[in-house]
Amino acid sequence: MRTSLKWLVDKNKREMLAFMGAGIAVVIGGARTAFMYFQNKPGFPLKIEASYNACIGAEKNVALQIQCS
């Protein structure tokens, strides 16, 4: 424990450790993004539908339907 604290006291070693940690985080994030992008699930919804009812004025009722493909 004491030797690891002595190792972390050195500014250059702390900077190197921070740089390596950031690099590992970027690589993991990029790998996850690539995996999610190239993963092809057959049950993935390709169409999203949403319906909204809006009341405009005293007696008007407007129904909106939005479809995204």
C-alpha atoms as a PDB file:
ATOM      1  CA  MET A   1       0.000   0.000   0.000  1.00  0.00           C
ATOM      2  CA  ARG A   2       2.740   2.410   0.935  1.00  0.00           C
ATOM      3  CA  THR A   3       4.708   1.725  -2.231  1.00  0.00           C
ATOM      4  CA  SER A   4       1.629   2.337  -4.381  1.00  0.00           C
ATOM      5  CA  LEU A   5       1.095   5.684  -2.646  1.00  0.00           C
ATOM      6  CA  LYS A   6       4.726   6.602  -3.258  1.00  0.00           C
ATOM      7  CA  TRP A   7       4.269   5.642  -6.899  1.00  0.00           C
ATOM      8  CA  LEU A   8       1.191   7.909  -7.196  1.00  0.00           C
ATOM      9  CA  VAL A   9       2.965  10.892  -5.649  1.00  0.00           C
ATOM     10  CA  ASP A  10       5.047  11.309  -8.821  1.00  0.00           C
ATOM     11  CA  LYS A  11       3.200  13.738 -11.118  1.00  0.00           C
ATOM     12  CA  ASN A  12       4.381  12.077 -14.353  1.00  0.00           C
ATOM     13  CA  LYS A  13       3.105   8.683 -13.223  1.00  0.00           C
ATOM     14  CA  ARG A  14      -0.273  10.141 -12.278  1.00  0.00           C
ATOM     15  CA  GLU A  15      -0.544  11.820 -15.680  1.00  0.00           C
ATOM     16  CA  MET A  16       0.407   8.587 -17.444  1.00  0.00           C
ATOM     17  CA  LEU A  17      -2.176   6.639 -15.429  1.00  0.00           C
ATOM     18  CA  ALA A  18      -4.879   9.229 -16.219  1.00  0.00           C
ATOM     19  CA  PHE A  19      -3.980   9.147 -19.929  1.00  0.00           C
ATOM     20  CA  MET A  20      -4.117   5.352 -20.018  1.00  0.00           C
ATOM     21  CA  GLY A  21      -7.425   5.305 -18.125  1.00  0.00           C
ATOM     22  CA  ALA A  22      -8.963   7.807 -20.533  1.00  0.00           C
ATOM     23  CA  GLY A  23      -7.691   5.793 -23.488  1.00  0.00           C
ATOM     24  CA  ILE A  24      -9.193   2.601 -22.115  1.00  0.00           C
ATOM     25  CA  ALA A  25     -12.523   4.373 -21.565  1.00  0.00           C
ATOM     26  CA  VAL A  26     -12.520   5.640 -25.175  1.00  0.00           C
ATOM     27  CA  VAL A  27     -11.703   2.185 -26.554  1.00  0.00           C
ATOM     28  CA  ILE A  28     -14.453   0.536 -24.488  1.00  0.00           C
ATOM     29  CA  GLY A  29     -16.979   3.205 -25.512  1.00  0.00           C
ATOM     30  CA  GLY A  30     -16.042   2.868 -29.181  1.00  0.00           C
ATOM     31  CA  ALA A  31     -16.241  -0.917 -29.037  1.00  0.00           C
ATOM     32  CA  ARG A  32     -19.691  -0.752 -27.419  1.00  0.00           C
ATOM     33  CA  THR A  33     -20.887   1.762 -30.020  1.00  0.00           C
ATOM     34  CA  ALA A  34     -19.596  -0.394 -32.883  1.00  0.00           C
ATOM     35  CA  PHE A  35     -21.192  -3.500 -31.361  1.00  0.00           C
ATOM     36  CA  MET A  36     -24.567  -1.797 -30.975  1.00  0.00           C
ATOM     37  CA  TYR A  37     -24.363  -0.358 -34.512  1.00  0.00           C
ATOM     38  CA  PHE A  38     -23.456  -3.625 -36.231  1.00  0.00           C
ATOM     39  CA  GLN A  39     -25.628  -5.881 -34.084  1.00  0.00           C
ATOM     40  CA  ASN A  40     -28.590  -7.035 -36.136  1.00  0.00           C
ATOM     41  CA  LYS A  41     -31.509  -8.114 -33.995  1.00  0.00           C
ATOM     42  CA  PRO A  42     -34.480  -9.571 -35.888  1.00  0.00           C
ATOM     43  CA  GLY A  43     -36.971  -8.362 -33.248  1.00  0.00           C
ATOM     44  CA  PHE A  44     -35.776  -4.759 -33.306  1.00  0.00           C
ATOM     45  CA  PRO A  45     -38.689  -2.385 -33.988  1.00  0.00           C
ATOM     46  CA  LEU A  46     -38.176  -0.680 -37.327  1.00  0.00           C
ATOM     47  CA  LYS A  47     -41.321   1.413 -37.100  1.00  0.00           C
ATOM     48  CA  ILE A  48     -42.332   3.720 -34.271  1.00  0.00           C
ATOM     49  CA  GLU A  49     -45.884   5.008 -34.001  1.00  0.00           C
ATOM     50  CA  ALA A  50     -47.259   7.652 -31.661  1.00  0.00           C
ATOM     51  CA  SER A  51     -50.783   9.050 -31.369  1.00  0.00           C
ATOM     52  CA  TYR A  52     -51.688  12.310 -29.687  1.00  0.00           C
ATOM     53  CA  ASN A  53     -55.049  13.929 -28.975  1.00  0.00           C
ATOM     54  CA  ALA A  54     -55.097  17.686 -28.675  1.00  0.00           C
ATOM     55  CA  CYS A  55     -58.039  19.823 -27.646  1.00  0.00           C
ATOM     56  CA  ILE A  56     -58.065  23.171 -29.439  1.00  0.00           C
ATOM     57  CA  GLY A  57     -60.749  25.632 -28.385  1.00  0.00           C
ATOM     58  CA  ALA A  58     -64.014  24.668 -26.764  1.00  0.00           C
ATOM     59  CA  GLU A  59     -65.339  22.014 -29.169  1.00  0.00           C
ATOM     60  CA  LYS A  60     -62.510  21.093 -31.550  1.00  0.00           C
ATOM     61  CA  ASN A  61     -60.654  17.828 -31.041  1.00  0.00           C
ATOM     62  CA  VAL A  62     -57.659  17.128 -33.290  1.00  0.00           C
ATOM     63  CA  ALA A  63     -56.031  13.693 -33.543  1.00  0.00           C
ATOM     64  CA  LEU A  64     -52.428  13.555 -34.685  1.00  0.00           C
ATOM     65  CA  GLN A  65     -50.653  10.419 -35.768  1.00  0.00           C
ATOM     66  CA  ILE A  66     -46.909  10.385 -36.327  1.00  0.00           C
ATOM     67  CA  GLN A  67     -45.018   7.531 -37.970  1.00  0.00           C
ATOM     68  CA  CYS A  68     -41.242   7.256 -38.161  1.00  0.00           C
ATOM     69  CA  SER A  69     -39.560   4.595 -40.239  1.00  0.00           C
END
